[in-house]
Amino acid sequence: MSTEYIGSVTLYLDAAEVEITKIDVKDSTGRKPVKTMNRSRRTKGFTRGVGQYDITATAVMPTDGTAINWGSIEDAKISLVPDVPGAKPTSYLGFCVTEVGESYTVDNEMVIDITGFAIRKVLE
């Protein structure tokens, strides 16, 4: 018997479906090493900081005038819904965009690169 894996996801931004080609989510724990002057010349420990979820996505540019103003997004909810029956969606709350850039690829696509962060992750 073979196992089915998640192949693709659908992204929703505050309940509106968004066409994306790529999304990367990184969990930044906020921990930092504490470097002290000692004989062993090694880090002695760590501090607990404030964590966040760094999110980078690439979206396609629609020609029908329904483009999202990515630079104005603050405190939004991003939901990733797998296209597999029974798989649970993952939501990122408090999403704020920090950078937006446009690029044109060799595959004749104009894409928008979005960088931002979210405060919380919720498995629904």
PDB file of N, CA and C in Angstrom:
ATOM      1  N   MET A   1       0.845  -1.175   0.000  1.00  0.00           N
ATOM      2  CA  MET A   1       0.000   0.000   0.000  1.00  0.00           C
ATOM      3  C   MET A   1       0.892   1.240   0.000  1.00  0.00           C
ATOM      4  N   SER A   2       0.592   2.169  -0.870  1.00  0.00           N
ATOM      5  CA  SER A   2       1.409   3.375  -0.961  1.00  0.00           C
ATOM      6  C   SER A   2       0.799   4.500  -0.128  1.00  0.00           C
ATOM      7  N   THR A   3       1.647   5.433   0.220  1.00  0.00           N
ATOM      8  CA  THR A   3       1.234   6.584   1.016  1.00  0.00           C
ATOM      9  C   THR A   3       1.074   7.791   0.106  1.00  0.00           C
ATOM     10  N   GLU A   4      -0.014   8.530   0.280  1.00  0.00           N
ATOM     11  CA  GLU A   4      -0.216   9.742  -0.499  1.00  0.00           C
ATOM     12  C   GLU A   4       0.359  10.923   0.271  1.00  0.00           C
ATOM     13  N   TYR A   5       1.109  11.758  -0.438  1.00  0.00           N
ATOM     14  CA  TYR A   5       1.725  12.931   0.163  1.00  0.00           C
ATOM     15  C   TYR A   5       1.071  14.192  -0.387  1.00  0.00           C
ATOM     16  N   ILE A   6       1.233  15.279   0.326  1.00  0.00           N
ATOM     17  CA  ILE A   6       0.667  16.558  -0.108  1.00  0.00           C
ATOM     18  C   ILE A   6       1.472  17.069  -1.293  1.00  0.00           C
ATOM     19  N   GLY A   7       0.784  17.335  -2.387  1.00  0.00           N
ATOM     20  CA  GLY A   7       1.454  17.777  -3.601  1.00  0.00           C
ATOM     21  C   GLY A   7       1.390  19.278  -3.806  1.00  0.00           C
ATOM     22  N   SER A   8       0.258  19.871  -3.538  1.00  0.00           N
ATOM     23  CA  SER A   8       0.122  21.314  -3.712  1.00  0.00           C
ATOM     24  C   SER A   8      -0.829  21.863  -2.659  1.00  0.00           C
ATOM     25  N   VAL A   9      -0.766  23.158  -2.478  1.00  0.00           N
ATOM     26  CA  VAL A   9      -1.641  23.827  -1.516  1.00  0.00           C
ATOM     27  C   VAL A   9      -2.288  25.032  -2.196  1.00  0.00           C
ATOM     28  N   THR A  10      -3.404  25.454  -1.652  1.00  0.00           N
ATOM     29  CA  THR A  10      -4.077  26.668  -2.104  1.00  0.00           C
ATOM     30  C   THR A  10      -3.905  27.717  -1.017  1.00  0.00           C
ATOM     31  N   LEU A  11      -3.494  28.912  -1.414  1.00  0.00           N
ATOM     32  CA  LEU A  11      -3.265  29.983  -0.452  1.00  0.00           C
ATOM     33  C   LEU A  11      -4.474  30.905  -0.423  1.00  0.00           C
ATOM     34  N   TYR A  12      -4.931  31.207   0.780  1.00  0.00           N
ATOM     35  CA  TYR A  12      -6.015  32.167   0.987  1.00  0.00           C
ATOM     36  C   TYR A  12      -5.481  33.317   1.822  1.00  0.00           C
ATOM     37  N   LEU A  13      -5.755  34.530   1.382  1.00  0.00           N
ATOM     38  CA  LEU A  13      -5.377  35.734   2.107  1.00  0.00           C
ATOM     39  C   LEU A  13      -6.666  36.390   2.567  1.00  0.00           C
ATOM     40  N   ASP A  14      -6.958  36.295   3.867  1.00  0.00           N
ATOM     41  CA  ASP A  14      -8.223  36.797   4.419  1.00  0.00           C
ATOM     42  C   ASP A  14      -9.418  36.293   3.607  1.00  0.00           C
ATOM     43  N   ALA A  15      -9.475  34.998   3.370  1.00  0.00           N
ATOM     44  CA  ALA A  15     -10.573  34.282   2.700  1.00  0.00           C
ATOM     45  C   ALA A  15     -10.627  34.481   1.188  1.00  0.00           C
ATOM     46  N   ALA A  16      -9.693  35.211   0.585  1.00  0.00           N
ATOM     47  CA  ALA A  16      -9.647  35.366  -0.868  1.00  0.00           C
ATOM     48  C   ALA A  16      -8.533  34.483  -1.422  1.00  0.00           C
ATOM     49  N   GLU A  17      -8.849  33.663  -2.424  1.00  0.00           N
ATOM     50  CA  GLU A  17      -7.848  32.768  -3.004  1.00  0.00           C
ATOM     51  C   GLU A  17      -6.832  33.574  -3.801  1.00  0.00           C
ATOM     52  N   VAL A  18      -5.546  33.237  -3.627  1.00  0.00           N
ATOM     53  CA  VAL A  18      -4.457  33.938  -4.291  1.00  0.00           C
ATOM     54  C   VAL A  18      -3.668  32.927  -5.120  1.00  0.00           C
ATOM     55  N   GLU A  19      -3.356  33.310  -6.358  1.00  0.00           N
ATOM     56  CA  GLU A  19      -2.571  32.447  -7.245  1.00  0.00           C
ATOM     57  C   GLU A  19      -1.088  32.649  -6.940  1.00  0.00           C
ATOM     58  N   ILE A  20      -0.442  31.603  -6.437  1.00  0.00           N
ATOM     59  CA  ILE A  20       0.986  31.672  -6.135  1.00  0.00           C
ATOM     60  C   ILE A  20       1.712  30.544  -6.854  1.00  0.00           C
ATOM     61  N   THR A  21       3.011  30.726  -7.048  1.00  0.00           N
ATOM     62  CA  THR A  21       3.835  29.671  -7.634  1.00  0.00           C
ATOM     63  C   THR A  21       4.781  29.065  -6.608  1.00  0.00           C
ATOM     64  N   LYS A  22       5.005  29.786  -5.505  1.00  0.00           N
ATOM     65  CA  LYS A  22       5.950  29.297  -4.493  1.00  0.00           C
ATOM     66  C   LYS A  22       5.676  30.001  -3.173  1.00  0.00           C
ATOM     67  N   ILE A  23       5.867  29.269  -2.074  1.00  0.00           N
ATOM     68  CA  ILE A  23       5.789  29.876  -0.741  1.00  0.00           C
ATOM     69  C   ILE A  23       6.801  29.179   0.162  1.00  0.00           C
ATOM     70  N   ASP A  24       7.523  29.967   0.940  1.00  0.00           N
ATOM     71  CA  ASP A  24       8.494  29.460   1.912  1.00  0.00           C
ATOM     72  C   ASP A  24       8.123  30.019   3.276  1.00  0.00           C
ATOM     73  N   VAL A  25       8.065  29.142   4.273  1.00  0.00           N
ATOM     74  CA  VAL A  25       7.770  29.558   5.642  1.00  0.00           C
ATOM     75  C   VAL A  25       8.907  29.079   6.531  1.00  0.00           C
ATOM     76  N   LYS A  26       9.501  29.998   7.278  1.00  0.00           N
ATOM     77  CA  LYS A  26      10.588  29.659   8.194  1.00  0.00           C
ATOM     78  C   LYS A  26      10.193  30.073   9.605  1.00  0.00           C
ATOM     79  N   ASP A  27      10.406  29.178  10.546  1.00  0.00           N
ATOM     80  CA  ASP A  27      10.104  29.439  11.951  1.00  0.00           C
ATOM     81  C   ASP A  27      11.357  29.988  12.621  1.00  0.00           C
ATOM     82  N   SER A  28      11.371  31.277  12.904  1.00  0.00           N
ATOM     83  CA  SER A  28      12.484  31.901  13.619  1.00  0.00           C
ATOM     84  C   SER A  28      12.164  31.830  15.106  1.00  0.00           C
ATOM     85  N   THR A  29      12.920  31.038  15.842  1.00  0.00           N
ATOM     86  CA  THR A  29      12.610  30.791  17.250  1.00  0.00           C
ATOM     87  C   THR A  29      12.926  31.978  18.146  1.00  0.00           C
ATOM     88  N   GLY A  30      13.836  32.843  17.731  1.00  0.00           N
ATOM     89  CA  GLY A  30      14.210  33.983  18.554  1.00  0.00           C
ATOM     90  C   GLY A  30      15.379  33.692  19.481  1.00  0.00           C
ATOM     91  N   ARG A  31      15.819  32.434  19.530  1.00  0.00           N
ATOM     92  CA  ARG A  31      16.966  32.104  20.389  1.00  0.00           C
ATOM     93  C   ARG A  31      18.251  32.665  19.793  1.00  0.00           C
ATOM     94  N   LYS A  32      19.124  33.162  20.673  1.00  0.00           N
ATOM     95  CA  LYS A  32      20.404  33.704  20.237  1.00  0.00           C
ATOM     96  C   LYS A  32      21.503  33.156  21.128  1.00  0.00           C
ATOM     97  N   PRO A  33      22.672  32.868  20.551  1.00  0.00           N
ATOM     98  CA  PRO A  33      23.773  32.365  21.371  1.00  0.00           C
ATOM     99  C   PRO A  33      24.354  33.467  22.256  1.00  0.00           C
ATOM    100  N   VAL A  34      24.824  33.064  23.427  1.00  0.00           N
ATOM    101  CA  VAL A  34      25.495  33.991  24.336  1.00  0.00           C
ATOM    102  C   VAL A  34      26.981  33.667  24.280  1.00  0.00           C
ATOM    103  N   LYS A  35      27.735  34.601  23.735  1.00  0.00           N
ATOM    104  CA  LYS A  35      29.177  34.405  23.615  1.00  0.00           C
ATOM    105  C   LYS A  35      29.849  35.119  24.777  1.00  0.00           C
ATOM    106  N   THR A  36      30.620  34.366  25.535  1.00  0.00           N
ATOM    107  CA  THR A  36      31.327  34.943  26.672  1.00  0.00           C
ATOM    108  C   THR A  36      32.818  34.731  26.497  1.00  0.00           C
ATOM    109  N   MET A  37      33.601  35.510  27.218  1.00  0.00           N
ATOM    110  CA  MET A  37      35.048  35.330  27.184  1.00  0.00           C
ATOM    111  C   MET A  37      35.409  34.273  28.217  1.00  0.00           C
ATOM    112  N   ASN A  38      35.819  33.109  27.734  1.00  0.00           N
ATOM    113  CA  ASN A  38      36.193  32.027  28.632  1.00  0.00           C
ATOM    114  C   ASN A  38      37.341  31.230  28.024  1.00  0.00           C
ATOM    115  N   ARG A  39      37.890  30.304  28.797  1.00  0.00           N
ATOM    116  CA  ARG A  39      39.036  29.524  28.328  1.00  0.00           C
ATOM    117  C   ARG A  39      38.694  28.586  27.178  1.00  0.00           C
ATOM    118  N   SER A  40      37.503  28.062  27.176  1.00  0.00           N
ATOM    119  CA  SER A  40      37.147  27.080  26.147  1.00  0.00           C
ATOM    120  C   SER A  40      36.875  27.722  24.785  1.00  0.00           C
ATOM    121  N   ARG A  41      36.714  29.033  24.759  1.00  0.00           N
ATOM    122  CA  ARG A  41      36.442  29.775  23.531  1.00  0.00           C
ATOM    123  C   ARG A  41      35.219  29.235  22.789  1.00  0.00           C
ATOM    124  N   ARG A  42      34.214  28.911  23.549  1.00  0.00           N
ATOM    125  CA  ARG A  42      32.971  28.388  22.987  1.00  0.00           C
ATOM    126  C   ARG A  42      31.786  29.157  23.564  1.00  0.00           C
ATOM    127  N   THR A  43      30.695  29.079  22.855  1.00  0.00           N
ATOM    128  CA  THR A  43      29.455  29.683  23.336  1.00  0.00           C
ATOM    129  C   THR A  43      29.006  28.951  24.588  1.00  0.00           C
ATOM    130  N   LYS A  44      28.598  29.693  25.602  1.00  0.00           N
ATOM    131  CA  LYS A  44      28.217  29.085  26.878  1.00  0.00           C
ATOM    132  C   LYS A  44      26.733  28.770  26.981  1.00  0.00           C
ATOM    133  N   GLY A  45      25.904  29.404  26.180  1.00  0.00           N
ATOM    134  CA  GLY A  45      24.471  29.160  26.298  1.00  0.00           C
ATOM    135  C   GLY A  45      23.691  29.992  25.305  1.00  0.00           C
ATOM    136  N   PHE A  46      22.417  30.216  25.631  1.00  0.00           N
ATOM    137  CA  PHE A  46      21.561  30.972  24.725  1.00  0.00           C
ATOM    138  C   PHE A  46      20.538  31.777  25.514  1.00  0.00           C
ATOM    139  N   THR A  47      19.951  32.749  24.835  1.00  0.00           N
ATOM    140  CA  THR A  47      18.848  33.521  25.400  1.00  0.00           C
ATOM    141  C   THR A  47      17.593  33.245  24.583  1.00  0.00           C
ATOM    142  N   ARG A  48      16.468  33.357  25.246  1.00  0.00           N
ATOM    143  CA  ARG A  48      15.194  33.179  24.544  1.00  0.00           C
ATOM    144  C   ARG A  48      14.698  34.554  24.108  1.00  0.00           C
ATOM    145  N   GLY A  49      14.430  34.673  22.834  1.00  0.00           N
ATOM    146  CA  GLY A  49      13.947  35.943  22.301  1.00  0.00           C
ATOM    147  C   GLY A  49      12.507  35.818  21.838  1.00  0.00           C
ATOM    148  N   VAL A  50      12.117  36.706  20.992  1.00  0.00           N
ATOM    149  CA  VAL A  50      10.767  36.728  20.448  1.00  0.00           C
ATOM    150  C   VAL A  50      10.787  36.042  19.086  1.00  0.00           C
ATOM    151  N   GLY A  51       9.970  35.017  18.930  1.00  0.00           N
ATOM    152  CA  GLY A  51       9.921  34.275  17.679  1.00  0.00           C
ATOM    153  C   GLY A  51       8.914  34.851  16.699  1.00  0.00           C
ATOM    154  N   GLN A  52       9.078  34.468  15.446  1.00  0.00           N
ATOM    155  CA  GLN A  52       8.144  34.870  14.401  1.00  0.00           C
ATOM    156  C   GLN A  52       8.258  33.887  13.247  1.00  0.00           C
ATOM    157  N   TYR A  53       7.332  33.965  12.323  1.00  0.00           N
ATOM    158  CA  TYR A  53       7.341  33.125  11.133  1.00  0.00           C
ATOM    159  C   TYR A  53       7.660  34.020   9.939  1.00  0.00           C
ATOM    160  N   ASP A  54       8.810  33.778   9.305  1.00  0.00           N
ATOM    161  CA  ASP A  54       9.208  34.539   8.126  1.00  0.00           C
ATOM    162  C   ASP A  54       8.608  33.861   6.902  1.00  0.00           C
ATOM    163  N   ILE A  55       7.852  34.613   6.112  1.00  0.00           N
ATOM    164  CA  ILE A  55       7.137  34.059   4.968  1.00  0.00           C
ATOM    165  C   ILE A  55       7.573  34.786   3.704  1.00  0.00           C
ATOM    166  N   THR A  56       7.939  34.000   2.696  1.00  0.00           N
ATOM    167  CA  THR A  56       8.284  34.517   1.383  1.00  0.00           C
ATOM    168  C   THR A  56       7.423  33.805   0.360  1.00  0.00           C
ATOM    169  N   ALA A  57       6.778  34.557  -0.512  1.00  0.00           N
ATOM    170  CA  ALA A  57       5.902  33.962  -1.521  1.00  0.00           C
ATOM    171  C   ALA A  57       6.149  34.621  -2.868  1.00  0.00           C
ATOM    172  N   THR A  58       5.847  33.873  -3.921  1.00  0.00           N
ATOM    173  CA  THR A  58       5.898  34.387  -5.281  1.00  0.00           C
ATOM    174  C   THR A  58       4.516  34.228  -5.889  1.00  0.00           C
ATOM    175  N   ALA A  59       3.913  35.333  -6.274  1.00  0.00           N
ATOM    176  CA  ALA A  59       2.565  35.325  -6.845  1.00  0.00           C
ATOM    177  C   ALA A  59       2.632  35.778  -8.299  1.00  0.00           C
ATOM    178  N   VAL A  60       1.669  35.325  -9.085  1.00  0.00           N
ATOM    179  CA  VAL A  60       1.607  35.742 -10.481  1.00  0.00           C
ATOM    180  C   VAL A  60       0.815  37.041 -10.585  1.00  0.00           C
ATOM    181  N   MET A  61       1.074  37.797 -11.650  1.00  0.00           N
ATOM    182  CA  MET A  61       0.436  39.095 -11.856  1.00  0.00           C
ATOM    183  C   MET A  61      -0.749  38.928 -12.806  1.00  0.00           C
ATOM    184  N   PRO A  62      -1.976  39.131 -12.316  1.00  0.00           N
ATOM    185  CA  PRO A  62      -3.140  39.005 -13.206  1.00  0.00           C
ATOM    186  C   PRO A  62      -3.253  40.210 -14.148  1.00  0.00           C
ATOM    187  N   THR A  63      -3.851  39.984 -15.314  1.00  0.00           N
ATOM    188  CA  THR A  63      -4.011  41.067 -16.286  1.00  0.00           C
ATOM    189  C   THR A  63      -5.402  41.684 -16.246  1.00  0.00           C
ATOM    190  N   ASP A  64      -6.291  41.137 -15.432  1.00  0.00           N
ATOM    191  CA  ASP A  64      -7.672  41.622 -15.418  1.00  0.00           C
ATOM    192  C   ASP A  64      -7.922  42.741 -14.408  1.00  0.00           C
ATOM    193  N   GLY A  65      -6.866  43.287 -13.823  1.00  0.00           N
ATOM    194  CA  GLY A  65      -7.023  44.400 -12.896  1.00  0.00           C
ATOM    195  C   GLY A  65      -7.361  44.006 -11.472  1.00  0.00           C
ATOM    196  N   THR A  66      -7.276  42.726 -11.139  1.00  0.00           N
ATOM    197  CA  THR A  66      -7.599  42.270  -9.784  1.00  0.00           C
ATOM    198  C   THR A  66      -6.349  42.055  -8.942  1.00  0.00           C
ATOM    199  N   ALA A  67      -5.275  42.740  -9.280  1.00  0.00           N
ATOM    200  CA  ALA A  67      -4.023  42.573  -8.541  1.00  0.00           C
ATOM    201  C   ALA A  67      -4.182  43.053  -7.102  1.00  0.00           C
ATOM    202  N   ILE A  68      -3.523  42.353  -6.197  1.00  0.00           N
ATOM    203  CA  ILE A  68      -3.560  42.691  -4.775  1.00  0.00           C
ATOM    204  C   ILE A  68      -2.504  43.752  -4.495  1.00  0.00           C
ATOM    205  N   ASN A  69      -2.846  44.744  -3.699  1.00  0.00           N
ATOM    206  CA  ASN A  69      -1.880  45.747  -3.264  1.00  0.00           C
ATOM    207  C   ASN A  69      -1.112  45.157  -2.085  1.00  0.00           C
ATOM    208  N   TRP A  70      -0.061  44.406  -2.381  1.00  0.00           N
ATOM    209  CA  TRP A  70       0.665  43.663  -1.359  1.00  0.00           C
ATOM    210  C   TRP A  70       1.314  44.572  -0.331  1.00  0.00           C
ATOM    211  N   GLY A  71       1.769  45.729  -0.729  1.00  0.00           N
ATOM    212  CA  GLY A  71       2.459  46.623   0.190  1.00  0.00           C
ATOM    213  C   GLY A  71       1.597  47.161   1.315  1.00  0.00           C
ATOM    214  N   SER A  72       0.288  47.088   1.170  1.00  0.00           N
ATOM    215  CA  SER A  72      -0.597  47.638   2.199  1.00  0.00           C
ATOM    216  C   SER A  72      -1.124  46.581   3.166  1.00  0.00           C
ATOM    217  N   ILE A  73      -0.656  45.358   3.062  1.00  0.00           N
ATOM    218  CA  ILE A  73      -1.201  44.287   3.897  1.00  0.00           C
ATOM    219  C   ILE A  73      -0.587  44.329   5.292  1.00  0.00           C
ATOM    220  N   GLU A  74      -1.458  44.437   6.285  1.00  0.00           N
ATOM    221  CA  GLU A  74      -1.066  44.423   7.696  1.00  0.00           C
ATOM    222  C   GLU A  74      -2.058  43.569   8.466  1.00  0.00           C
ATOM    223  N   ASP A  75      -1.581  42.797   9.408  1.00  0.00           N
ATOM    224  CA  ASP A  75      -2.412  42.006  10.318  1.00  0.00           C
ATOM    225  C   ASP A  75      -3.421  41.127   9.570  1.00  0.00           C
ATOM    226  N   ALA A  76      -2.940  40.420   8.550  1.00  0.00           N
ATOM    227  CA  ALA A  76      -3.801  39.560   7.742  1.00  0.00           C
ATOM    228  C   ALA A  76      -3.672  38.104   8.183  1.00  0.00           C
ATOM    229  N   LYS A  77      -4.559  37.277   7.671  1.00  0.00           N
ATOM    230  CA  LYS A  77      -4.523  35.839   7.929  1.00  0.00           C
ATOM    231  C   LYS A  77      -4.210  35.133   6.617  1.00  0.00           C
ATOM    232  N   ILE A  78      -3.158  34.306   6.632  1.00  0.00           N
ATOM    233  CA  ILE A  78      -2.809  33.486   5.472  1.00  0.00           C
ATOM    234  C   ILE A  78      -3.139  32.049   5.822  1.00  0.00           C
ATOM    235  N   SER A  79      -3.881  31.381   4.955  1.00  0.00           N
ATOM    236  CA  SER A  79      -4.219  29.971   5.166  1.00  0.00           C
ATOM    237  C   SER A  79      -3.694  29.155   4.001  1.00  0.00           C
ATOM    238  N   LEU A  80      -3.005  28.068   4.318  1.00  0.00           N
ATOM    239  CA  LEU A  80      -2.521  27.122   3.318  1.00  0.00           C
ATOM    240  C   LEU A  80      -3.377  25.873   3.428  1.00  0.00           C
ATOM    241  N   VAL A  81      -4.142  25.581   2.383  1.00  0.00           N
ATOM    242  CA  VAL A  81      -5.068  24.458   2.388  1.00  0.00           C
ATOM    243  C   VAL A  81      -4.545  23.401   1.423  1.00  0.00           C
ATOM    244  N   PRO A  82      -4.153  22.219   1.923  1.00  0.00           N
ATOM    245  CA  PRO A  82      -3.665  21.153   1.041  1.00  0.00           C
ATOM    246  C   PRO A  82      -4.775  20.636   0.129  1.00  0.00           C
ATOM    247  N   ASP A  83      -4.394  20.220  -1.076  1.00  0.00           N
ATOM    248  CA  ASP A  83      -5.354  19.683  -2.036  1.00  0.00           C
ATOM    249  C   ASP A  83      -5.538  18.182  -1.872  1.00  0.00           C
ATOM    250  N   VAL A  84      -5.450  17.689  -0.651  1.00  0.00           N
ATOM    251  CA  VAL A  84      -5.629  16.271  -0.337  1.00  0.00           C
ATOM    252  C   VAL A  84      -6.790  16.158   0.647  1.00  0.00           C
ATOM    253  N   PRO A  85      -7.775  15.329   0.359  1.00  0.00           N
ATOM    254  CA  PRO A  85      -8.895  15.180   1.294  1.00  0.00           C
ATOM    255  C   PRO A  85      -8.421  14.705   2.668  1.00  0.00           C
ATOM    256  N   GLY A  86      -8.905  15.346   3.710  1.00  0.00           N
ATOM    257  CA  GLY A  86      -8.557  14.972   5.074  1.00  0.00           C
ATOM    258  C   GLY A  86      -7.346  15.686   5.641  1.00  0.00           C
ATOM    259  N   ALA A  87      -6.561  16.354   4.796  1.00  0.00           N
ATOM    260  CA  ALA A  87      -5.390  17.088   5.289  1.00  0.00           C
ATOM    261  C   ALA A  87      -5.852  18.399   5.920  1.00  0.00           C
ATOM    262  N   LYS A  88      -5.228  18.761   7.027  1.00  0.00           N
ATOM    263  CA  LYS A  88      -5.646  19.949   7.771  1.00  0.00           C
ATOM    264  C   LYS A  88      -4.944  21.203   7.254  1.00  0.00           C
ATOM    265  N   PRO A  89      -5.675  22.308   7.159  1.00  0.00           N
ATOM    266  CA  PRO A  89      -5.049  23.566   6.749  1.00  0.00           C
ATOM    267  C   PRO A  89      -4.193  24.168   7.862  1.00  0.00           C
ATOM    268  N   THR A  90      -3.228  24.974   7.451  1.00  0.00           N
ATOM    269  CA  THR A  90      -2.367  25.700   8.376  1.00  0.00           C
ATOM    270  C   THR A  90      -2.584  27.188   8.146  1.00  0.00           C
ATOM    271  N   SER A  91      -2.792  27.934   9.213  1.00  0.00           N
ATOM    272  CA  SER A  91      -3.005  29.379   9.099  1.00  0.00           C
ATOM    273  C   SER A  91      -1.909  30.129   9.841  1.00  0.00           C
ATOM    274  N   TYR A  92      -1.531  31.259   9.283  1.00  0.00           N
ATOM    275  CA  TYR A  92      -0.558  32.157   9.895  1.00  0.00           C
ATOM    276  C   TYR A  92      -1.275  33.475  10.160  1.00  0.00           C
ATOM    277  N   LEU A  93      -1.302  33.875  11.421  1.00  0.00           N
ATOM    278  CA  LEU A  93      -2.060  35.056  11.837  1.00  0.00           C
ATOM    279  C   LEU A  93      -1.138  36.245  12.069  1.00  0.00           C
ATOM    280  N   GLY A  94      -1.675  37.430  11.892  1.00  0.00           N
ATOM    281  CA  GLY A  94      -0.896  38.647  12.093  1.00  0.00           C
ATOM    282  C   GLY A  94       0.138  38.858  11.009  1.00  0.00           C
ATOM    283  N   PHE A  95      -0.159  38.446   9.774  1.00  0.00           N
ATOM    284  CA  PHE A  95       0.799  38.559   8.672  1.00  0.00           C
ATOM    285  C   PHE A  95       0.919  40.007   8.218  1.00  0.00           C
ATOM    286  N   CYS A  96       2.160  40.491   8.144  1.00  0.00           N
ATOM    287  CA  CYS A  96       2.460  41.838   7.657  1.00  0.00           C
ATOM    288  C   CYS A  96       3.513  41.737   6.562  1.00  0.00           C
ATOM    289  N   VAL A  97       3.326  42.474   5.491  1.00  0.00           N
ATOM    290  CA  VAL A  97       4.280  42.485   4.384  1.00  0.00           C
ATOM    291  C   VAL A  97       5.366  43.511   4.680  1.00  0.00           C
ATOM    292  N   THR A  98       6.631  43.105   4.486  1.00  0.00           N
ATOM    293  CA  THR A  98       7.754  44.019   4.709  1.00  0.00           C
ATOM    294  C   THR A  98       8.427  44.442   3.407  1.00  0.00           C
ATOM    295  N   GLU A  99       8.376  43.596   2.366  1.00  0.00           N
ATOM    296  CA  GLU A  99       8.992  43.918   1.074  1.00  0.00           C
ATOM    297  C   GLU A  99       8.150  43.363  -0.059  1.00  0.00           C
ATOM    298  N   VAL A 100       8.093  44.104  -1.155  1.00  0.00           N
ATOM    299  CA  VAL A 100       7.407  43.658  -2.366  1.00  0.00           C
ATOM    300  C   VAL A 100       8.301  43.999  -3.548  1.00  0.00           C
ATOM    301  N   GLY A 101       8.481  43.040  -4.449  1.00  0.00           N
ATOM    302  CA  GLY A 101       9.278  43.276  -5.643  1.00  0.00           C
ATOM    303  C   GLY A 101       8.673  42.560  -6.835  1.00  0.00           C
ATOM    304  N   GLU A 102       8.926  43.077  -8.024  1.00  0.00           N
ATOM    305  CA  GLU A 102       8.424  42.466  -9.246  1.00  0.00           C
ATOM    306  C   GLU A 102       9.595  41.968 -10.072  1.00  0.00           C
ATOM    307  N   SER A 103       9.376  40.865 -10.786  1.00  0.00           N
ATOM    308  CA  SER A 103      10.405  40.352 -11.682  1.00  0.00           C
ATOM    309  C   SER A 103       9.746  39.671 -12.868  1.00  0.00           C
ATOM    310  N   TYR A 104      10.498  39.552 -13.929  1.00  0.00           N
ATOM    311  CA  TYR A 104      10.031  38.922 -15.149  1.00  0.00           C
ATOM    312  C   TYR A 104      10.924  37.727 -15.402  1.00  0.00           C
ATOM    313  N   THR A 105      10.331  36.554 -15.609  1.00  0.00           N
ATOM    314  CA  THR A 105      11.118  35.337 -15.778  1.00  0.00           C
ATOM    315  C   THR A 105      11.238  34.964 -17.248  1.00  0.00           C
ATOM    316  N   VAL A 106      12.142  34.059 -17.521  1.00  0.00           N
ATOM    317  CA  VAL A 106      12.373  33.586 -18.881  1.00  0.00           C
ATOM    318  C   VAL A 106      11.178  32.789 -19.412  1.00  0.00           C
ATOM    319  N   ASP A 107      10.338  32.326 -18.525  1.00  0.00           N
ATOM    320  CA  ASP A 107       9.143  31.578 -18.922  1.00  0.00           C
ATOM    321  C   ASP A 107       7.992  32.505 -19.300  1.00  0.00           C
ATOM    322  N   ASN A 108       8.297  33.769 -19.575  1.00  0.00           N
ATOM    323  CA  ASN A 108       7.299  34.769 -19.964  1.00  0.00           C
ATOM    324  C   ASN A 108       6.256  35.003 -18.878  1.00  0.00           C
ATOM    325  N   GLU A 109       6.714  35.097 -17.653  1.00  0.00           N
ATOM    326  CA  GLU A 109       5.827  35.378 -16.529  1.00  0.00           C
ATOM    327  C   GLU A 109       6.318  36.607 -15.784  1.00  0.00           C
ATOM    328  N   MET A 110       5.398  37.477 -15.466  1.00  0.00           N
ATOM    329  CA  MET A 110       5.714  38.563 -14.550  1.00  0.00           C
ATOM    330  C   MET A 110       5.214  38.122 -13.193  1.00  0.00           C
ATOM    331  N   VAL A 111       6.103  38.104 -12.209  1.00  0.00           N
ATOM    332  CA  VAL A 111       5.745  37.622 -10.880  1.00  0.00           C
ATOM    333  C   VAL A 111       6.040  38.694  -9.840  1.00  0.00           C
ATOM    334  N   ILE A 112       5.393  38.549  -8.697  1.00  0.00           N
ATOM    335  CA  ILE A 112       5.581  39.463  -7.577  1.00  0.00           C
ATOM    336  C   ILE A 112       6.179  38.667  -6.428  1.00  0.00           C
ATOM    337  N   ASP A 113       7.298  39.132  -5.904  1.00  0.00           N
ATOM    338  CA  ASP A 113       7.943  38.493  -4.756  1.00  0.00           C
ATOM    339  C   ASP A 113       7.529  39.244  -3.498  1.00  0.00           C
ATOM    340  N   ILE A 114       6.962  38.502  -2.545  1.00  0.00           N
ATOM    341  CA  ILE A 114       6.442  39.091  -1.316  1.00  0.00           C
ATOM    342  C   ILE A 114       7.224  38.542  -0.134  1.00  0.00           C
ATOM    343  N   THR A 115       7.671  39.415   0.751  1.00  0.00           N
ATOM    344  CA  THR A 115       8.358  39.006   1.970  1.00  0.00           C
ATOM    345  C   THR A 115       7.635  39.635   3.154  1.00  0.00           C
ATOM    346  N   GLY A 116       7.435  38.833   4.188  1.00  0.00           N
ATOM    347  CA  GLY A 116       6.767  39.347   5.372  1.00  0.00           C
ATOM    348  C   GLY A 116       6.943  38.420   6.554  1.00  0.00           C
ATOM    349  N   PHE A 117       6.185  38.678   7.596  1.00  0.00           N
ATOM    350  CA  PHE A 117       6.268  37.851   8.794  1.00  0.00           C
ATOM    351  C   PHE A 117       4.876  37.684   9.378  1.00  0.00           C
ATOM    352  N   ALA A 118       4.712  36.602  10.124  1.00  0.00           N
ATOM    353  CA  ALA A 118       3.467  36.345  10.845  1.00  0.00           C
ATOM    354  C   ALA A 118       3.802  36.124  12.308  1.00  0.00           C
ATOM    355  N   ILE A 119       2.825  36.376  13.155  1.00  0.00           N
ATOM    356  CA  ILE A 119       3.039  36.289  14.597  1.00  0.00           C
ATOM    357  C   ILE A 119       2.727  34.908  15.148  1.00  0.00           C
ATOM    358  N   ARG A 120       1.674  34.276  14.621  1.00  0.00           N
ATOM    359  CA  ARG A 120       1.240  32.976  15.153  1.00  0.00           C
ATOM    360  C   ARG A 120       0.978  31.985  14.042  1.00  0.00           C
ATOM    361  N   LYS A 121       1.107  30.709  14.392  1.00  0.00           N
ATOM    362  CA  LYS A 121       0.788  29.608  13.490  1.00  0.00           C
ATOM    363  C   LYS A 121      -0.304  28.778  14.151  1.00  0.00           C
ATOM    364  N   VAL A 122      -1.351  28.449  13.381  1.00  0.00           N
ATOM    365  CA  VAL A 122      -2.468  27.676  13.910  1.00  0.00           C
ATOM    366  C   VAL A 122      -2.735  26.506  12.978  1.00  0.00           C
ATOM    367  N   LEU A 123      -2.733  25.286  13.532  1.00  0.00           N
ATOM    368  CA  LEU A 123      -3.125  24.102  12.767  1.00  0.00           C
ATOM    369  C   LEU A 123      -4.615  23.907  12.979  1.00  0.00           C
ATOM    370  N   GLU A 124      -5.384  24.025  11.921  1.00  0.00           N
ATOM    371  CA  GLU A 124      -6.847  23.980  12.059  1.00  0.00           C
ATOM    372  C   GLU A 124      -7.389  22.577  11.920  1.00  0.00           C
TER     373      GLU A 124
END
